[in-house]
N, C-alpha and C. Protein backbone atom coordinates (compact mmCIF):
# COMPACT_ATOMS: atom_id res chain seq x y z
N MET A 1 23.11 20.30 4.02
CA MET A 1 21.96 19.71 3.31
C MET A 1 22.46 18.58 2.41
N PRO A 2 21.88 17.38 2.52
CA PRO A 2 22.36 16.25 1.70
C PRO A 2 21.94 16.36 0.25
N LEU A 3 22.53 15.49 -0.58
CA LEU A 3 22.14 15.41 -1.98
C LEU A 3 20.68 15.00 -2.10
N ALA A 4 20.02 15.48 -3.13
CA ALA A 4 18.63 15.09 -3.39
C ALA A 4 18.52 14.60 -4.82
N ASP A 5 17.84 13.46 -5.01
CA ASP A 5 17.63 12.95 -6.36
C ASP A 5 16.82 13.96 -7.16
N SER A 6 17.18 14.14 -8.40
CA SER A 6 16.47 15.10 -9.25
C SER A 6 16.55 14.66 -10.70
N HIS A 7 15.65 15.20 -11.49
CA HIS A 7 15.61 14.85 -12.91
C HIS A 7 16.68 15.61 -13.68
N ALA A 8 17.07 15.02 -14.80
CA ALA A 8 18.06 15.67 -15.66
C ALA A 8 17.50 16.98 -16.20
N ASP A 9 18.29 18.04 -16.13
CA ASP A 9 17.90 19.33 -16.68
C ASP A 9 18.96 19.76 -17.70
N ALA A 10 18.81 20.97 -18.22
CA ALA A 10 19.70 21.42 -19.29
C ALA A 10 21.16 21.46 -18.83
N LEU A 11 21.39 21.95 -17.61
CA LEU A 11 22.76 22.01 -17.09
C LEU A 11 23.34 20.61 -16.92
N ALA A 12 22.54 19.71 -16.36
CA ALA A 12 22.99 18.33 -16.16
C ALA A 12 23.33 17.68 -17.49
N GLN A 13 22.56 17.97 -18.52
CA GLN A 13 22.80 17.36 -19.83
C GLN A 13 24.12 17.83 -20.43
N VAL A 14 24.48 19.09 -20.17
CA VAL A 14 25.76 19.61 -20.69
C VAL A 14 26.93 18.86 -20.05
N TYR A 15 26.91 18.73 -18.73
CA TYR A 15 27.98 18.02 -18.04
C TYR A 15 27.99 16.53 -18.40
N ALA A 16 26.79 15.94 -18.49
CA ALA A 16 26.70 14.52 -18.81
C ALA A 16 27.25 14.25 -20.21
N GLN A 17 26.91 15.12 -21.17
CA GLN A 17 27.40 14.94 -22.54
C GLN A 17 28.92 15.01 -22.57
N SER A 18 29.47 15.91 -21.77
CA SER A 18 30.92 16.08 -21.73
C SER A 18 31.62 14.82 -21.23
N VAL A 19 31.19 14.29 -20.08
CA VAL A 19 31.85 13.11 -19.53
C VAL A 19 31.56 11.88 -20.38
N PHE A 20 30.39 11.84 -21.01
CA PHE A 20 30.04 10.71 -21.89
C PHE A 20 30.99 10.66 -23.08
N GLU A 21 31.22 11.81 -23.72
CA GLU A 21 32.11 11.86 -24.88
C GLU A 21 33.55 11.51 -24.48
N LEU A 22 34.00 12.01 -23.33
CA LEU A 22 35.35 11.70 -22.86
C LEU A 22 35.50 10.20 -22.59
N ALA A 23 34.48 9.61 -21.97
CA ALA A 23 34.54 8.17 -21.66
C ALA A 23 34.55 7.35 -22.94
N LYS A 24 33.72 7.73 -23.90
CA LYS A 24 33.68 6.99 -25.18
C LYS A 24 35.02 7.08 -25.89
N ALA A 25 35.62 8.26 -25.88
CA ALA A 25 36.92 8.43 -26.53
C ALA A 25 38.00 7.63 -25.81
N ASP A 26 37.82 7.45 -24.50
CA ASP A 26 38.81 6.76 -23.70
C ASP A 26 38.74 5.24 -23.87
N GLY A 27 37.51 4.71 -24.05
CA GLY A 27 37.39 3.25 -24.13
C GLY A 27 36.05 2.76 -24.63
N GLY A 28 35.32 3.59 -25.37
CA GLY A 28 34.07 3.15 -25.97
C GLY A 28 33.00 2.82 -24.94
N ARG A 29 32.17 1.87 -25.31
CA ARG A 29 31.03 1.50 -24.47
C ARG A 29 31.47 1.05 -23.08
N GLU A 30 32.49 0.23 -23.02
CA GLU A 30 32.94 -0.30 -21.72
C GLU A 30 33.33 0.82 -20.77
N ALA A 31 34.07 1.81 -21.27
CA ALA A 31 34.50 2.91 -20.43
C ALA A 31 33.32 3.77 -20.00
N ALA A 32 32.40 4.04 -20.93
CA ALA A 32 31.23 4.86 -20.60
C ALA A 32 30.39 4.19 -19.51
N GLU A 33 30.15 2.89 -19.67
CA GLU A 33 29.34 2.17 -18.68
C GLU A 33 30.08 2.07 -17.35
N SER A 34 31.40 1.94 -17.41
CA SER A 34 32.18 1.84 -16.18
C SER A 34 32.13 3.16 -15.39
N VAL A 35 32.30 4.28 -16.08
CA VAL A 35 32.25 5.58 -15.40
C VAL A 35 30.85 5.82 -14.84
N LEU A 36 29.84 5.51 -15.63
CA LEU A 36 28.47 5.66 -15.14
C LEU A 36 28.25 4.81 -13.89
N GLY A 37 28.73 3.57 -13.92
CA GLY A 37 28.57 2.68 -12.77
C GLY A 37 29.27 3.23 -11.54
N GLU A 38 30.45 3.81 -11.72
CA GLU A 38 31.18 4.39 -10.58
C GLU A 38 30.43 5.58 -9.99
N ILE A 39 29.89 6.42 -10.86
CA ILE A 39 29.12 7.57 -10.37
C ILE A 39 27.87 7.11 -9.63
N GLU A 40 27.20 6.09 -10.17
CA GLU A 40 26.01 5.57 -9.50
C GLU A 40 26.36 4.92 -8.17
N ASP A 41 27.51 4.26 -8.09
CA ASP A 41 27.96 3.68 -6.82
C ASP A 41 28.21 4.77 -5.78
N ILE A 42 28.79 5.87 -6.23
CA ILE A 42 29.05 7.00 -5.32
C ILE A 42 27.74 7.58 -4.81
N LEU A 43 26.77 7.71 -5.70
CA LEU A 43 25.46 8.23 -5.29
C LEU A 43 24.75 7.26 -4.36
N GLU A 44 24.89 5.96 -4.61
CA GLU A 44 24.28 4.96 -3.74
C GLU A 44 24.89 5.04 -2.34
N LEU A 45 26.19 5.24 -2.28
CA LEU A 45 26.86 5.41 -0.99
C LEU A 45 26.34 6.67 -0.29
N ALA A 46 26.15 7.73 -1.05
CA ALA A 46 25.66 8.98 -0.46
C ALA A 46 24.24 8.82 0.07
N ARG A 47 23.42 8.01 -0.61
CA ARG A 47 22.05 7.80 -0.14
C ARG A 47 22.02 7.08 1.21
N GLY A 48 23.01 6.24 1.44
CA GLY A 48 23.05 5.48 2.68
C GLY A 48 23.89 6.11 3.77
N ASP A 49 24.59 7.19 3.45
CA ASP A 49 25.48 7.83 4.42
C ASP A 49 25.25 9.33 4.37
N ARG A 50 24.48 9.83 5.33
CA ARG A 50 24.11 11.25 5.31
C ARG A 50 25.32 12.17 5.36
N MET A 51 26.33 11.79 6.16
CA MET A 51 27.52 12.64 6.28
C MET A 51 28.25 12.76 4.94
N PHE A 52 28.36 11.64 4.22
CA PHE A 52 29.02 11.68 2.91
C PHE A 52 28.18 12.49 1.92
N SER A 53 26.85 12.33 2.01
CA SER A 53 25.97 13.09 1.14
C SER A 53 26.11 14.59 1.38
N GLU A 54 26.18 14.98 2.63
CA GLU A 54 26.34 16.40 2.95
C GLU A 54 27.73 16.90 2.54
N PHE A 55 28.73 16.04 2.65
CA PHE A 55 30.08 16.39 2.21
C PHE A 55 30.07 16.76 0.73
N LEU A 56 29.32 16.02 -0.09
CA LEU A 56 29.25 16.31 -1.52
C LEU A 56 28.42 17.55 -1.83
N ALA A 57 27.35 17.76 -1.06
CA ALA A 57 26.38 18.79 -1.43
C ALA A 57 26.62 20.16 -0.79
N THR A 58 27.18 20.18 0.42
CA THR A 58 27.25 21.45 1.14
C THR A 58 28.22 22.43 0.49
N ARG A 59 27.89 23.72 0.62
CA ARG A 59 28.78 24.77 0.14
C ARG A 59 29.65 25.33 1.27
N VAL A 60 29.50 24.76 2.45
CA VAL A 60 30.26 25.25 3.60
C VAL A 60 31.72 24.84 3.51
N ILE A 61 31.98 23.62 3.01
CA ILE A 61 33.36 23.12 2.90
C ILE A 61 34.08 23.87 1.79
N PRO A 62 35.27 24.42 2.07
CA PRO A 62 36.03 25.12 1.02
C PRO A 62 36.36 24.17 -0.15
N THR A 63 36.37 24.72 -1.33
CA THR A 63 36.62 23.93 -2.54
C THR A 63 37.92 23.16 -2.46
N GLU A 64 38.99 23.81 -2.00
CA GLU A 64 40.30 23.17 -1.95
C GLU A 64 40.30 22.00 -0.96
N ALA A 65 39.65 22.17 0.18
CA ALA A 65 39.61 21.11 1.19
C ALA A 65 38.82 19.92 0.67
N ARG A 66 37.70 20.17 -0.01
CA ARG A 66 36.90 19.07 -0.53
C ARG A 66 37.64 18.37 -1.67
N ASP A 67 38.38 19.13 -2.47
CA ASP A 67 39.15 18.53 -3.55
C ASP A 67 40.17 17.54 -2.99
N ALA A 68 40.87 17.94 -1.95
CA ALA A 68 41.86 17.06 -1.34
C ALA A 68 41.19 15.81 -0.77
N SER A 69 40.00 15.98 -0.19
CA SER A 69 39.28 14.84 0.37
C SER A 69 38.81 13.89 -0.72
N LEU A 70 38.35 14.44 -1.85
CA LEU A 70 37.93 13.60 -2.97
C LEU A 70 39.08 12.73 -3.44
N VAL A 71 40.25 13.33 -3.56
CA VAL A 71 41.42 12.57 -4.00
C VAL A 71 41.74 11.48 -2.99
N ARG A 72 41.72 11.84 -1.71
CA ARG A 72 42.05 10.88 -0.66
C ARG A 72 41.05 9.72 -0.62
N ILE A 73 39.77 10.02 -0.83
CA ILE A 73 38.73 9.00 -0.74
C ILE A 73 38.68 8.11 -1.98
N LEU A 74 38.84 8.71 -3.17
CA LEU A 74 38.53 7.99 -4.41
C LEU A 74 39.75 7.54 -5.21
N GLU A 75 40.91 8.12 -4.96
CA GLU A 75 42.08 7.73 -5.75
C GLU A 75 42.39 6.25 -5.53
N GLY A 76 42.48 5.50 -6.62
CA GLY A 76 42.71 4.07 -6.53
C GLY A 76 41.43 3.26 -6.39
N ARG A 77 40.31 3.93 -6.11
CA ARG A 77 39.02 3.24 -5.97
C ARG A 77 38.09 3.55 -7.14
N ALA A 78 38.36 4.63 -7.83
CA ALA A 78 37.57 5.01 -9.01
C ALA A 78 38.54 5.31 -10.14
N SER A 79 38.04 5.27 -11.36
CA SER A 79 38.90 5.55 -12.51
C SER A 79 39.38 6.99 -12.48
N GLY A 80 40.46 7.24 -13.20
CA GLY A 80 40.99 8.60 -13.28
C GLY A 80 39.98 9.57 -13.85
N LEU A 81 39.21 9.13 -14.86
CA LEU A 81 38.22 10.01 -15.48
C LEU A 81 37.12 10.37 -14.49
N THR A 82 36.64 9.39 -13.75
CA THR A 82 35.58 9.68 -12.77
C THR A 82 36.07 10.67 -11.73
N LEU A 83 37.28 10.46 -11.23
CA LEU A 83 37.83 11.36 -10.22
C LEU A 83 38.03 12.75 -10.79
N ARG A 84 38.57 12.85 -12.00
CA ARG A 84 38.78 14.17 -12.61
C ARG A 84 37.45 14.89 -12.81
N PHE A 85 36.41 14.14 -13.20
CA PHE A 85 35.10 14.74 -13.43
C PHE A 85 34.52 15.27 -12.12
N LEU A 86 34.62 14.50 -11.05
CA LEU A 86 34.09 14.94 -9.77
C LEU A 86 34.86 16.17 -9.26
N ARG A 87 36.16 16.20 -9.50
CA ARG A 87 36.96 17.36 -9.07
C ARG A 87 36.56 18.60 -9.89
N LEU A 88 36.25 18.39 -11.17
CA LEU A 88 35.78 19.50 -12.00
C LEU A 88 34.45 20.04 -11.45
N LEU A 89 33.52 19.14 -11.15
CA LEU A 89 32.24 19.57 -10.59
C LEU A 89 32.45 20.32 -9.28
N ASN A 90 33.40 19.88 -8.49
CA ASN A 90 33.70 20.57 -7.23
C ASN A 90 34.20 21.99 -7.49
N ARG A 91 35.11 22.12 -8.44
CA ARG A 91 35.65 23.45 -8.75
C ARG A 91 34.57 24.39 -9.28
N LYS A 92 33.61 23.82 -10.01
CA LYS A 92 32.52 24.63 -10.58
C LYS A 92 31.37 24.83 -9.60
N GLY A 93 31.48 24.21 -8.41
CA GLY A 93 30.40 24.32 -7.44
C GLY A 93 29.16 23.54 -7.83
N ARG A 94 29.35 22.42 -8.57
CA ARG A 94 28.22 21.66 -9.11
C ARG A 94 28.11 20.24 -8.56
N LEU A 95 28.86 19.91 -7.52
CA LEU A 95 28.78 18.54 -6.99
C LEU A 95 27.38 18.22 -6.49
N GLY A 96 26.69 19.21 -5.96
CA GLY A 96 25.33 18.99 -5.50
C GLY A 96 24.37 18.64 -6.62
N HIS A 97 24.81 18.88 -7.86
CA HIS A 97 23.99 18.59 -9.05
C HIS A 97 24.24 17.17 -9.56
N LEU A 98 25.06 16.41 -8.85
CA LEU A 98 25.48 15.09 -9.35
C LEU A 98 24.32 14.13 -9.64
N PRO A 99 23.27 14.05 -8.81
CA PRO A 99 22.17 13.13 -9.14
C PRO A 99 21.53 13.43 -10.50
N ALA A 100 21.31 14.71 -10.81
CA ALA A 100 20.73 15.07 -12.10
C ALA A 100 21.69 14.77 -13.24
N ILE A 101 22.97 15.00 -13.03
CA ILE A 101 23.98 14.70 -14.06
C ILE A 101 24.02 13.20 -14.32
N ALA A 102 23.98 12.41 -13.25
CA ALA A 102 23.98 10.95 -13.41
C ALA A 102 22.76 10.48 -14.18
N ALA A 103 21.60 11.09 -13.92
CA ALA A 103 20.38 10.73 -14.65
C ALA A 103 20.53 11.04 -16.14
N ALA A 104 21.09 12.20 -16.45
CA ALA A 104 21.30 12.58 -17.86
C ALA A 104 22.33 11.67 -18.51
N PHE A 105 23.38 11.33 -17.79
CA PHE A 105 24.43 10.42 -18.27
C PHE A 105 23.82 9.06 -18.58
N ASP A 106 22.98 8.57 -17.68
CA ASP A 106 22.32 7.28 -17.88
C ASP A 106 21.46 7.30 -19.14
N ASP A 107 20.74 8.39 -19.36
CA ASP A 107 19.91 8.52 -20.57
C ASP A 107 20.77 8.42 -21.83
N LEU A 108 21.93 9.04 -21.82
CA LEU A 108 22.83 9.02 -22.98
C LEU A 108 23.34 7.60 -23.25
N VAL A 109 23.73 6.91 -22.19
CA VAL A 109 24.24 5.55 -22.34
C VAL A 109 23.14 4.63 -22.87
N GLN A 110 21.94 4.78 -22.33
CA GLN A 110 20.83 3.95 -22.79
C GLN A 110 20.53 4.20 -24.27
N ALA A 111 20.48 5.47 -24.65
CA ALA A 111 20.16 5.81 -26.03
C ALA A 111 21.24 5.32 -27.00
N GLU A 112 22.49 5.41 -26.58
CA GLU A 112 23.62 5.05 -27.45
C GLU A 112 23.80 3.54 -27.58
N PHE A 113 23.62 2.83 -26.48
CA PHE A 113 23.98 1.41 -26.47
C PHE A 113 22.79 0.46 -26.29
N GLY A 114 21.58 0.99 -26.31
CA GLY A 114 20.42 0.12 -26.25
C GLY A 114 20.29 -0.64 -24.94
N ARG A 115 20.56 0.02 -23.84
CA ARG A 115 20.41 -0.62 -22.55
C ARG A 115 19.50 0.23 -21.66
N VAL A 116 18.92 -0.39 -20.66
CA VAL A 116 18.03 0.34 -19.77
C VAL A 116 18.28 -0.12 -18.34
N GLU A 117 18.30 0.85 -17.43
CA GLU A 117 18.49 0.57 -16.01
C GLU A 117 17.12 0.36 -15.38
N VAL A 118 16.97 -0.74 -14.66
CA VAL A 118 15.69 -1.05 -14.00
C VAL A 118 15.96 -1.32 -12.53
N ASP A 119 15.20 -0.65 -11.65
CA ASP A 119 15.26 -0.92 -10.22
C ASP A 119 14.12 -1.86 -9.86
N LEU A 120 14.45 -2.97 -9.22
CA LEU A 120 13.46 -3.97 -8.81
C LEU A 120 13.37 -3.96 -7.29
N PHE A 121 12.16 -3.76 -6.77
CA PHE A 121 11.94 -3.75 -5.32
C PHE A 121 11.08 -4.94 -4.92
N THR A 122 11.52 -5.69 -3.93
CA THR A 122 10.76 -6.82 -3.39
C THR A 122 10.79 -6.75 -1.87
N ALA A 123 9.83 -7.44 -1.24
CA ALA A 123 9.75 -7.41 0.22
C ALA A 123 10.91 -8.18 0.86
N GLU A 124 11.41 -9.19 0.15
CA GLU A 124 12.51 -9.99 0.66
C GLU A 124 13.57 -10.12 -0.44
N ALA A 125 14.80 -10.40 -0.03
CA ALA A 125 15.88 -10.56 -1.00
C ALA A 125 15.59 -11.73 -1.94
N ILE A 126 15.96 -11.59 -3.20
CA ILE A 126 15.75 -12.66 -4.17
C ILE A 126 17.11 -13.23 -4.57
N ASP A 127 17.10 -14.47 -5.02
CA ASP A 127 18.37 -15.11 -5.37
C ASP A 127 18.77 -14.75 -6.81
N GLU A 128 19.95 -15.18 -7.19
CA GLU A 128 20.50 -14.83 -8.50
C GLU A 128 19.65 -15.38 -9.64
N ALA A 129 19.12 -16.60 -9.47
CA ALA A 129 18.30 -17.20 -10.52
C ALA A 129 17.03 -16.39 -10.77
N THR A 130 16.41 -15.91 -9.69
CA THR A 130 15.19 -15.10 -9.82
C THR A 130 15.52 -13.77 -10.48
N ARG A 131 16.66 -13.17 -10.10
CA ARG A 131 17.09 -11.91 -10.73
C ARG A 131 17.29 -12.10 -12.22
N ASP A 132 17.95 -13.21 -12.58
CA ASP A 132 18.20 -13.48 -14.00
C ASP A 132 16.90 -13.67 -14.76
N SER A 133 15.92 -14.32 -14.12
CA SER A 133 14.63 -14.53 -14.76
C SER A 133 13.93 -13.20 -15.01
N PHE A 134 13.92 -12.31 -14.01
CA PHE A 134 13.34 -10.98 -14.17
C PHE A 134 14.05 -10.23 -15.30
N ARG A 135 15.38 -10.27 -15.28
CA ARG A 135 16.17 -9.55 -16.28
C ARG A 135 15.85 -10.03 -17.70
N SER A 136 15.75 -11.35 -17.85
CA SER A 136 15.47 -11.92 -19.17
C SER A 136 14.09 -11.53 -19.68
N ARG A 137 13.10 -11.61 -18.79
CA ARG A 137 11.73 -11.27 -19.21
C ARG A 137 11.60 -9.79 -19.53
N LEU A 138 12.25 -8.95 -18.75
CA LEU A 138 12.20 -7.51 -19.02
C LEU A 138 12.90 -7.17 -20.33
N ALA A 139 14.03 -7.84 -20.60
CA ALA A 139 14.75 -7.61 -21.85
C ALA A 139 13.87 -7.96 -23.05
N ASP A 140 13.13 -9.06 -22.93
CA ASP A 140 12.22 -9.47 -24.01
C ASP A 140 11.12 -8.42 -24.21
N LYS A 141 10.59 -7.91 -23.10
CA LYS A 141 9.48 -6.95 -23.18
C LYS A 141 9.95 -5.60 -23.72
N LEU A 142 11.12 -5.15 -23.26
CA LEU A 142 11.60 -3.81 -23.59
C LEU A 142 12.42 -3.77 -24.87
N GLY A 143 12.90 -4.93 -25.29
CA GLY A 143 13.73 -4.97 -26.49
C GLY A 143 15.08 -4.32 -26.30
N LYS A 144 15.57 -4.29 -25.05
CA LYS A 144 16.86 -3.70 -24.75
C LYS A 144 17.60 -4.57 -23.74
N GLU A 145 18.91 -4.35 -23.67
CA GLU A 145 19.68 -4.99 -22.61
C GLU A 145 19.27 -4.36 -21.28
N VAL A 146 18.96 -5.18 -20.30
CA VAL A 146 18.49 -4.68 -19.02
C VAL A 146 19.59 -4.80 -17.96
N ILE A 147 19.88 -3.68 -17.32
CA ILE A 147 20.78 -3.66 -16.17
C ILE A 147 19.88 -3.59 -14.94
N LEU A 148 19.80 -4.69 -14.21
CA LEU A 148 18.84 -4.80 -13.12
C LEU A 148 19.50 -4.56 -11.77
N HIS A 149 18.89 -3.67 -10.99
CA HIS A 149 19.34 -3.41 -9.63
C HIS A 149 18.23 -3.87 -8.68
N ALA A 150 18.53 -4.83 -7.83
CA ALA A 150 17.53 -5.38 -6.91
C ALA A 150 17.66 -4.74 -5.54
N TYR A 151 16.52 -4.31 -4.98
CA TYR A 151 16.50 -3.69 -3.66
C TYR A 151 15.43 -4.38 -2.80
N VAL A 152 15.69 -4.42 -1.51
CA VAL A 152 14.71 -4.98 -0.56
C VAL A 152 13.97 -3.82 0.10
N GLU A 153 12.64 -3.89 0.07
CA GLU A 153 11.79 -2.87 0.70
C GLU A 153 10.85 -3.59 1.66
N PRO A 154 11.27 -3.78 2.92
CA PRO A 154 10.49 -4.58 3.88
C PRO A 154 9.06 -4.11 4.08
N ALA A 155 8.80 -2.82 3.85
CA ALA A 155 7.45 -2.28 4.05
C ALA A 155 6.45 -2.85 3.04
N MET A 156 6.94 -3.39 1.93
CA MET A 156 6.04 -4.00 0.95
C MET A 156 5.43 -5.27 1.54
N LEU A 157 4.17 -5.50 1.23
CA LEU A 157 3.48 -6.68 1.74
C LEU A 157 3.68 -7.89 0.84
N GLY A 158 4.11 -7.66 -0.36
CA GLY A 158 4.29 -8.73 -1.33
C GLY A 158 4.31 -8.14 -2.73
N GLY A 159 4.46 -8.99 -3.73
CA GLY A 159 4.52 -8.50 -5.10
C GLY A 159 5.84 -7.83 -5.39
N VAL A 160 5.87 -7.06 -6.47
CA VAL A 160 7.11 -6.38 -6.87
C VAL A 160 6.79 -4.95 -7.32
N LYS A 161 7.82 -4.11 -7.28
CA LYS A 161 7.75 -2.77 -7.87
C LYS A 161 8.94 -2.62 -8.80
N LEU A 162 8.71 -2.01 -9.94
CA LEU A 162 9.78 -1.75 -10.90
C LEU A 162 9.85 -0.25 -11.18
N ARG A 163 11.06 0.27 -11.22
CA ARG A 163 11.25 1.66 -11.63
C ARG A 163 12.11 1.65 -12.87
N ILE A 164 11.53 2.09 -13.97
CA ILE A 164 12.21 2.15 -15.25
C ILE A 164 12.29 3.61 -15.66
N GLY A 165 13.45 4.22 -15.48
CA GLY A 165 13.57 5.66 -15.71
C GLY A 165 12.68 6.40 -14.72
N ASP A 166 11.80 7.23 -15.23
CA ASP A 166 10.89 8.00 -14.36
C ASP A 166 9.59 7.25 -14.09
N GLN A 167 9.42 6.09 -14.68
CA GLN A 167 8.16 5.36 -14.57
C GLN A 167 8.22 4.32 -13.46
N LEU A 168 7.24 4.34 -12.57
CA LEU A 168 7.14 3.35 -11.50
C LEU A 168 6.01 2.40 -11.82
N VAL A 169 6.33 1.10 -11.90
CA VAL A 169 5.34 0.06 -12.14
C VAL A 169 5.15 -0.68 -10.83
N ASP A 170 4.00 -0.48 -10.20
CA ASP A 170 3.77 -1.00 -8.85
C ASP A 170 2.75 -2.13 -8.88
N ASP A 171 3.22 -3.35 -8.61
CA ASP A 171 2.32 -4.49 -8.54
C ASP A 171 2.43 -5.13 -7.15
N SER A 172 2.71 -4.29 -6.15
CA SER A 172 2.82 -4.81 -4.78
C SER A 172 1.43 -5.03 -4.20
N LEU A 173 1.36 -5.88 -3.19
CA LEU A 173 0.08 -6.15 -2.53
C LEU A 173 -0.47 -4.89 -1.89
N ALA A 174 0.43 -4.06 -1.35
CA ALA A 174 -0.01 -2.82 -0.72
C ALA A 174 -0.70 -1.92 -1.75
N SER A 175 -0.15 -1.88 -2.97
CA SER A 175 -0.76 -1.07 -4.02
C SER A 175 -2.11 -1.64 -4.43
N GLN A 176 -2.20 -2.97 -4.51
CA GLN A 176 -3.47 -3.61 -4.86
C GLN A 176 -4.54 -3.30 -3.81
N LEU A 177 -4.15 -3.37 -2.53
CA LEU A 177 -5.09 -3.07 -1.46
C LEU A 177 -5.53 -1.61 -1.52
N SER A 178 -4.58 -0.73 -1.86
CA SER A 178 -4.91 0.68 -1.96
C SER A 178 -5.92 0.92 -3.08
N ARG A 179 -5.72 0.24 -4.22
CA ARG A 179 -6.66 0.39 -5.34
C ARG A 179 -8.04 -0.15 -4.96
N MET A 180 -8.05 -1.27 -4.20
CA MET A 180 -9.32 -1.84 -3.76
C MET A 180 -10.05 -0.88 -2.82
N ARG A 181 -9.29 -0.24 -1.92
CA ARG A 181 -9.89 0.71 -1.00
C ARG A 181 -10.47 1.90 -1.76
N ASP A 182 -9.71 2.39 -2.75
CA ASP A 182 -10.20 3.51 -3.55
C ASP A 182 -11.47 3.14 -4.31
N ARG A 183 -11.51 1.89 -4.79
CA ARG A 183 -12.69 1.45 -5.53
C ARG A 183 -13.90 1.37 -4.61
N LEU A 184 -13.69 0.87 -3.40
CA LEU A 184 -14.79 0.79 -2.44
C LEU A 184 -15.31 2.19 -2.11
N THR A 185 -14.37 3.14 -2.02
CA THR A 185 -14.75 4.51 -1.68
C THR A 185 -15.54 5.15 -2.80
N THR A 186 -15.13 4.93 -4.04
CA THR A 186 -15.79 5.61 -5.16
C THR A 186 -17.05 4.90 -5.63
N GLU A 187 -17.03 3.57 -5.60
CA GLU A 187 -18.18 2.83 -6.12
C GLU A 187 -19.24 2.56 -5.05
N GLY A 188 -18.83 2.48 -3.80
CA GLY A 188 -19.79 2.35 -2.71
C GLY A 188 -20.31 0.93 -2.51
N THR A 189 -21.06 0.78 -1.43
CA THR A 189 -21.56 -0.53 -1.00
C THR A 189 -22.47 -1.21 -2.02
N PRO A 190 -23.41 -0.52 -2.68
CA PRO A 190 -24.30 -1.21 -3.62
C PRO A 190 -23.53 -1.97 -4.71
N ALA A 191 -22.48 -1.36 -5.23
CA ALA A 191 -21.71 -2.02 -6.28
C ALA A 191 -21.02 -3.26 -5.73
N VAL A 192 -20.52 -3.17 -4.51
CA VAL A 192 -19.85 -4.32 -3.90
C VAL A 192 -20.86 -5.44 -3.66
N ARG A 193 -22.06 -5.08 -3.16
CA ARG A 193 -23.09 -6.08 -2.92
C ARG A 193 -23.51 -6.76 -4.23
N ALA A 194 -23.62 -5.95 -5.29
CA ALA A 194 -24.00 -6.52 -6.59
C ALA A 194 -22.95 -7.49 -7.09
N ALA A 195 -21.68 -7.12 -6.89
CA ALA A 195 -20.60 -8.01 -7.31
C ALA A 195 -20.64 -9.31 -6.53
N ALA A 196 -20.94 -9.23 -5.23
CA ALA A 196 -21.02 -10.43 -4.41
C ALA A 196 -22.17 -11.32 -4.87
N ASN A 197 -23.30 -10.70 -5.20
CA ASN A 197 -24.45 -11.48 -5.68
C ASN A 197 -24.13 -12.19 -6.98
N ARG A 198 -23.42 -11.50 -7.86
CA ARG A 198 -23.05 -12.12 -9.14
C ARG A 198 -22.14 -13.32 -8.88
N ALA A 199 -21.22 -13.17 -7.95
CA ALA A 199 -20.31 -14.26 -7.65
C ALA A 199 -21.05 -15.46 -7.09
N ILE A 200 -22.02 -15.20 -6.19
CA ILE A 200 -22.79 -16.29 -5.58
C ILE A 200 -23.63 -17.00 -6.63
N GLU A 201 -24.30 -16.20 -7.48
CA GLU A 201 -25.14 -16.80 -8.52
C GLU A 201 -24.31 -17.60 -9.50
N GLY A 202 -23.13 -17.09 -9.81
CA GLY A 202 -22.27 -17.79 -10.74
C GLY A 202 -21.76 -19.10 -10.18
N GLY A 203 -21.62 -19.17 -8.86
CA GLY A 203 -21.10 -20.38 -8.25
C GLY A 203 -22.16 -21.40 -7.92
N SER A 204 -23.44 -21.05 -8.06
CA SER A 204 -24.50 -22.00 -7.68
C SER A 204 -24.88 -22.90 -8.83
């Protein structure tokens, strides 16, 4: 069974607090953000690779065998602290809890350093200048440093979607059409006809 995204819970917060304090002691903000980024990169890889996701989550693989594989895969590619933390989770049988731990870790970093992670979804890839523009405007609105992750979602018809923590802000064309359909369903034809009449009268 692959990893599943989940919200931070009490257990995740305990582990997240532990690695957060270790990272801060090791190198302050830079180290904490670096370890968080490495964990998020590992989770992103797991989301795109089912076999790797199952490798992290399954209880079928013996602890010792998975520990050796973690070292082989990550040594030299991730910091010593990140690797030690993942090996600890493996020994405790908690690697499958990594998405929730990462969410709790992210909350701690945001609260401590005034930054916020934002996922931006668009129908087509955007260039660096557009990303910077989004980042700047969001920073002004939120009053925090924004770490922006841009994703392409071809199923979108247009517009943008933003995910800020647990909140999804959907301004895609598909969402607009869905709201229009719901309005037609609830308000019915007479209301639509009245709106059309008002528009015609206003334009004459």
